[in-house]
Amino acid sequence: MDLKLKGKTALVTGSTAGIGFAIARHLAEEGVEVVITGRNRQKLDEAAAELAASGKISAVLADPATAEGAETLIAAVPAVDILVNNLGIYEAKPFTEISDADWHHIFEVNVVSGARLARHYFPKMLENNWGRVIFIASESGLLPPAEMVHYGTTKTAQLAIARGLAEQTRGTDVTVNTVMPGPTRSEGIVDFIRSVVSNPDASEAEREKAFFDEMRPLSLIRRLIEADEIGALVTYLASPLAAVTNGAAIRAEGGIIPTIA
């Protein structure tokens, strides 16, 4: 299917691995000129080299979780047609042990980084009467996990920002949506699952099964989501074919949330 994205430009944050990398690859394969970002030069260069086989890729060493990093990124990339706010972190931590510093840090990375970039790129999209802003949130935004309340709270905040921006797009060809992946295979997920299951010494396959049995029992697919599955969905939402999807929180969590929220 031709998603009619040829000639568009996109910025994907947190894109050297996992979901962000998959989104960048899918967009590039559709003819989008994609800018990827990262904080580590080696990882960024390696990701850019690998993605080059899929299409036109450029890389900017910048961290939009800081005001200075966002300024660096915006200076390098003044305008884009598609903004994918994928940058995010997570950790399992008992609520009583989440310090003020933890709260501030996770909000700066997961929430403020995307708000900074949207504050710059979104008005330009409205002026041009075309654009896509997509926040990569999580099912945790609707069903906050007990083992990482602070993370779930940031994902709820992303839903609110996206919907608030979408309200400003009335009568335009700009859309703002949120995608809510469930647990997705990526760097760090193995360590995360090991940290929360009852038998961390079991095999990786056994730990994955235990994770869904013990921590995500409502999942219908009973497995980790693959990053490419999210990448394909985000690419469609970024396309002109998804023009009527606006202000939506798209569930791609494998059925962990049992009812429409």
Protein backbone atom coordinates (compact mmCIF):
# COMPACT_ATOMS: atom_id res chain seq x y z
CA MET A 1 0.00 0.00 0.00
CA ASP A 2 1.24 3.48 -0.87
CA LEU A 3 0.84 5.61 2.24
CA LYS A 4 1.46 8.78 0.19
CA LEU A 5 4.30 9.90 2.43
CA LYS A 6 6.98 10.44 -0.20
CA GLY A 7 8.63 13.83 0.21
CA LYS A 8 7.50 14.34 3.80
CA THR A 9 9.97 15.00 6.60
CA ALA A 10 9.89 13.47 10.07
CA LEU A 11 11.67 13.79 13.39
CA VAL A 12 11.65 10.72 15.62
CA THR A 13 13.11 11.11 19.10
CA GLY A 14 14.67 8.27 21.07
CA SER A 15 15.28 6.51 17.79
CA THR A 16 18.56 4.61 18.08
CA ALA A 17 16.84 1.39 19.19
CA GLY A 18 13.52 -0.25 19.95
CA ILE A 19 10.24 1.39 18.99
CA GLY A 20 11.82 4.63 17.82
CA PHE A 21 14.22 2.81 15.52
CA ALA A 22 11.36 0.75 14.06
CA ILE A 23 9.27 3.87 13.47
CA ALA A 24 12.17 5.58 11.73
CA ARG A 25 12.74 2.57 9.49
CA HIS A 26 9.10 2.21 8.48
CA LEU A 27 8.83 5.92 7.70
CA ALA A 28 12.03 5.86 5.65
CA GLU A 29 10.77 2.88 3.67
CA GLU A 30 7.73 4.97 2.72
CA GLY A 31 9.94 7.71 1.28
CA VAL A 32 10.01 10.01 4.30
CA GLU A 33 13.19 11.97 5.02
CA VAL A 34 13.77 10.96 8.65
CA VAL A 35 15.83 12.67 11.33
CA ILE A 36 16.81 10.45 14.23
CA THR A 37 18.16 11.62 17.57
CA GLY A 38 20.21 10.22 20.40
CA ARG A 39 22.56 11.14 23.24
CA ASN A 40 25.31 8.64 22.47
CA ARG A 41 27.35 9.37 19.33
CA GLN A 42 28.36 5.76 18.70
CA LYS A 43 24.82 4.41 19.03
CA LEU A 44 23.48 7.26 16.91
CA ASP A 45 25.98 6.67 14.11
CA GLU A 46 25.38 2.91 14.18
CA ALA A 47 21.61 3.39 13.99
CA ALA A 48 21.92 5.90 11.14
CA ALA A 49 24.18 3.54 9.19
CA GLU A 50 21.75 0.66 9.61
CA LEU A 51 18.73 2.76 8.70
CA ALA A 52 20.42 4.16 5.59
CA ALA A 53 19.46 1.02 3.71
CA SER A 54 15.79 1.93 4.20
CA GLY A 55 15.88 5.49 2.88
CA LYS A 56 17.07 9.01 3.55
CA ILE A 57 18.29 9.34 7.15
CA SER A 58 20.04 12.11 9.02
CA ALA A 59 21.12 12.10 12.65
CA VAL A 60 21.36 14.82 15.28
CA LEU A 61 23.22 14.33 18.54
CA ALA A 62 20.88 16.05 21.00
CA ASP A 63 18.83 15.34 24.11
CA PRO A 64 15.43 17.09 24.06
CA ALA A 65 14.99 16.12 27.70
CA THR A 66 17.08 19.23 28.39
CA ALA A 67 16.28 22.75 27.25
CA GLU A 68 19.75 23.04 25.72
CA GLY A 69 19.37 19.76 23.85
CA ALA A 70 15.99 20.79 22.46
CA GLU A 71 17.48 24.07 21.26
CA THR A 72 20.29 22.17 19.53
CA LEU A 73 17.81 19.87 17.83
CA ILE A 74 15.50 22.68 16.72
CA ALA A 75 18.44 24.66 15.35
CA ALA A 76 19.50 21.64 13.29
CA VAL A 77 15.95 20.79 12.20
CA PRO A 78 13.83 23.97 12.05
CA ALA A 79 10.70 22.38 10.55
CA VAL A 80 9.22 18.94 9.93
CA ASP A 81 5.95 17.53 8.65
CA ILE A 82 5.83 14.72 11.20
CA LEU A 83 6.93 14.81 14.84
CA VAL A 84 7.08 11.52 16.73
CA ASN A 85 7.72 12.06 20.44
CA ASN A 86 9.05 8.64 21.35
CA LEU A 87 11.77 9.52 23.86
CA GLY A 88 11.03 7.88 27.19
CA ILE A 89 12.39 6.00 30.17
CA TYR A 90 10.92 3.61 32.72
CA GLU A 91 11.95 1.77 35.85
CA ALA A 92 10.33 -0.46 38.44
CA LYS A 93 10.38 1.22 41.84
CA PRO A 94 8.16 1.04 44.93
CA PHE A 95 6.04 4.18 45.23
CA THR A 96 7.46 5.08 48.64
CA GLU A 97 10.99 5.01 47.21
CA ILE A 98 10.31 7.36 44.28
CA SER A 99 12.16 10.51 45.28
CA ASP A 100 11.42 14.08 44.21
CA ALA A 101 14.45 13.84 41.94
CA ASP A 102 13.01 10.67 40.35
CA TRP A 103 9.70 12.43 39.72
CA HIS A 104 11.35 15.47 38.17
CA HIS A 105 13.68 13.40 35.99
CA ILE A 106 11.03 11.11 34.54
CA PHE A 107 8.73 14.03 33.80
CA GLU A 108 11.55 15.95 32.12
CA VAL A 109 12.32 12.99 29.84
CA ASN A 110 8.87 11.55 29.17
CA VAL A 111 6.68 14.66 29.20
CA VAL A 112 8.57 17.92 28.96
CA SER A 113 10.80 16.78 26.09
CA GLY A 114 7.79 16.20 23.84
CA ALA A 115 6.09 19.39 24.99
CA ARG A 116 9.21 21.38 24.11
CA LEU A 117 9.35 20.03 20.59
CA ALA A 118 5.61 20.30 19.99
CA ARG A 119 5.72 23.91 21.18
CA HIS A 120 8.09 24.64 18.29
CA TYR A 121 6.88 22.37 15.47
CA PHE A 122 3.11 22.30 16.05
CA PRO A 123 2.44 26.01 15.25
CA LYS A 124 4.38 25.66 12.00
CA MET A 125 2.20 22.69 11.03
CA LEU A 126 -0.91 24.78 11.64
CA GLU A 127 0.52 27.55 9.48
CA ASN A 128 1.19 25.04 6.70
CA ASN A 129 -2.21 23.38 7.17
CA TRP A 130 -0.64 19.92 7.29
CA GLY A 131 1.23 17.97 9.90
CA ARG A 132 1.29 15.05 12.27
CA VAL A 133 2.24 15.00 15.94
CA ILE A 134 2.32 11.54 17.50
CA PHE A 135 3.13 10.82 21.13
CA ILE A 136 4.27 7.31 22.02
CA ALA A 137 2.64 6.73 25.40
CA SER A 138 1.70 3.36 26.93
CA GLU A 139 -1.24 1.40 28.24
CA SER A 140 0.17 2.50 31.59
CA GLY A 141 -1.39 5.89 30.90
CA LEU A 142 -4.82 4.33 31.41
CA LEU A 143 -3.88 1.47 33.71
CA PRO A 144 -0.94 2.70 35.83
CA PRO A 145 1.19 -0.22 37.04
CA ALA A 146 1.73 -0.57 40.77
CA GLU A 147 5.44 -1.17 40.26
CA MET A 148 6.07 2.16 38.47
CA VAL A 149 3.44 4.72 39.35
CA HIS A 150 5.64 7.61 38.26
CA TYR A 151 5.99 6.16 34.77
CA GLY A 152 2.26 5.63 34.43
CA THR A 153 1.63 9.21 35.50
CA THR A 154 3.88 10.56 32.75
CA LYS A 155 2.03 8.51 30.18
CA THR A 156 -1.30 9.92 31.36
CA ALA A 157 0.20 13.38 30.98
CA GLN A 158 1.12 12.62 27.37
CA LEU A 159 -2.48 11.67 26.63
CA ALA A 160 -3.61 15.02 28.02
CA ILE A 161 -1.09 17.06 26.04
CA ALA A 162 -1.95 15.30 22.79
CA ARG A 163 -5.67 15.77 23.24
CA GLY A 164 -5.21 19.42 24.17
CA LEU A 165 -3.18 20.04 21.04
CA ALA A 166 -5.68 18.16 18.89
CA GLU A 167 -8.39 20.55 20.09
CA GLN A 168 -6.45 23.33 18.37
CA THR A 169 -6.46 21.61 14.97
CA ARG A 170 -10.15 22.11 14.17
CA GLY A 171 -10.72 22.68 10.47
CA THR A 172 -7.11 21.95 9.51
CA ASP A 173 -5.24 19.00 8.01
CA VAL A 174 -3.09 18.68 11.12
CA THR A 175 -3.67 15.75 13.47
CA VAL A 176 -2.35 14.95 16.94
CA ASN A 177 -2.65 11.42 18.28
CA THR A 178 -1.20 9.14 20.91
CA VAL A 179 -0.21 5.50 20.48
CA MET A 180 -0.31 3.29 23.55
CA PRO A 181 1.94 0.25 23.10
CA GLY A 182 1.98 -2.49 25.67
CA PRO A 183 5.20 -4.18 26.82
CA THR A 184 7.42 -4.19 23.74
CA ARG A 185 10.59 -6.10 22.99
CA SER A 186 13.45 -3.60 23.16
CA GLU A 187 16.68 -2.82 24.93
CA GLY A 188 16.11 -3.02 28.66
CA ILE A 189 12.93 -5.11 28.64
CA VAL A 190 14.84 -8.27 29.58
CA ASP A 191 16.31 -6.63 32.67
CA PHE A 192 12.97 -5.03 33.54
CA ILE A 193 11.11 -8.35 33.39
CA ARG A 194 13.83 -10.03 35.43
CA SER A 195 13.41 -7.33 38.09
CA VAL A 196 9.67 -7.84 38.56
CA VAL A 197 8.97 -11.59 38.14
CA SER A 198 9.03 -14.00 41.05
CA ASN A 199 11.80 -16.21 39.62
CA PRO A 200 14.48 -14.01 38.00
CA ASP A 201 16.74 -17.03 37.42
CA ALA A 202 14.31 -18.75 35.03
CA SER A 203 14.98 -18.83 31.29
CA GLU A 204 14.08 -15.78 29.22
CA ALA A 205 11.05 -17.52 27.72
CA GLU A 206 9.88 -18.63 31.16
CA ARG A 207 10.35 -15.12 32.55
CA GLU A 208 8.31 -13.64 29.70
CA LYS A 209 5.49 -16.10 30.39
CA ALA A 210 5.69 -15.38 34.12
CA PHE A 211 5.57 -11.63 33.46
CA PHE A 212 2.23 -11.94 31.71
CA ASP A 213 0.93 -14.45 34.24
CA GLU A 214 1.95 -12.38 37.25
CA MET A 215 2.13 -8.74 36.14
CA ARG A 216 -0.06 -8.38 33.02
CA PRO A 217 -2.68 -11.15 33.36
CA LEU A 218 -5.28 -9.31 31.26
CA SER A 219 -3.14 -9.44 28.11
CA LEU A 220 -4.91 -11.20 25.27
CA ILE A 221 -1.84 -11.85 23.12
CA ARG A 222 0.26 -13.18 26.05
CA ARG A 223 3.57 -12.10 24.55
CA LEU A 224 5.81 -9.11 24.10
CA ILE A 225 4.90 -6.83 21.23
CA GLU A 226 7.50 -6.50 18.48
CA ALA A 227 8.78 -2.99 17.78
CA ASP A 228 7.94 -3.34 14.08
CA GLU A 229 4.29 -3.85 14.98
CA ILE A 230 4.25 -0.40 16.58
CA GLY A 231 6.37 1.09 13.80
CA ALA A 232 3.85 0.06 11.15
CA LEU A 233 0.94 1.54 13.10
CA VAL A 234 2.69 4.86 13.71
CA THR A 235 3.64 5.14 10.04
CA TYR A 236 0.03 4.73 9.02
CA LEU A 237 -1.09 7.38 11.53
CA ALA A 238 1.54 9.71 10.10
CA SER A 239 0.17 9.31 6.60
CA PRO A 240 -2.49 11.30 4.73
CA LEU A 241 -4.59 8.12 4.74
CA ALA A 242 -5.17 8.58 8.48
CA ALA A 243 -6.60 12.08 8.13
CA VAL A 244 -9.79 11.30 10.08
CA THR A 245 -7.91 9.93 13.09
CA ASN A 246 -7.36 12.96 15.30
CA GLY A 247 -7.32 13.47 19.06
CA ALA A 248 -7.25 9.71 19.48
CA ALA A 249 -5.45 7.46 21.94
CA ILE A 250 -4.76 4.36 19.88
CA ARG A 251 -4.49 1.17 21.92
CA ALA A 252 -1.78 -1.20 20.68
CA GLU A 253 -1.26 -3.03 23.96
CA GLY A 254 -2.35 -6.54 23.16
CA GLY A 255 -5.63 -6.32 25.06
CA ILE A 256 -4.24 -5.51 28.52
CA ILE A 257 -6.92 -2.83 28.92
CA PRO A 258 -10.21 -4.81 28.93
CA THR A 259 -12.66 -1.99 28.26
CA ILE A 260 -12.77 1.15 26.11
CA ALA A 261 -11.58 4.10 28.17
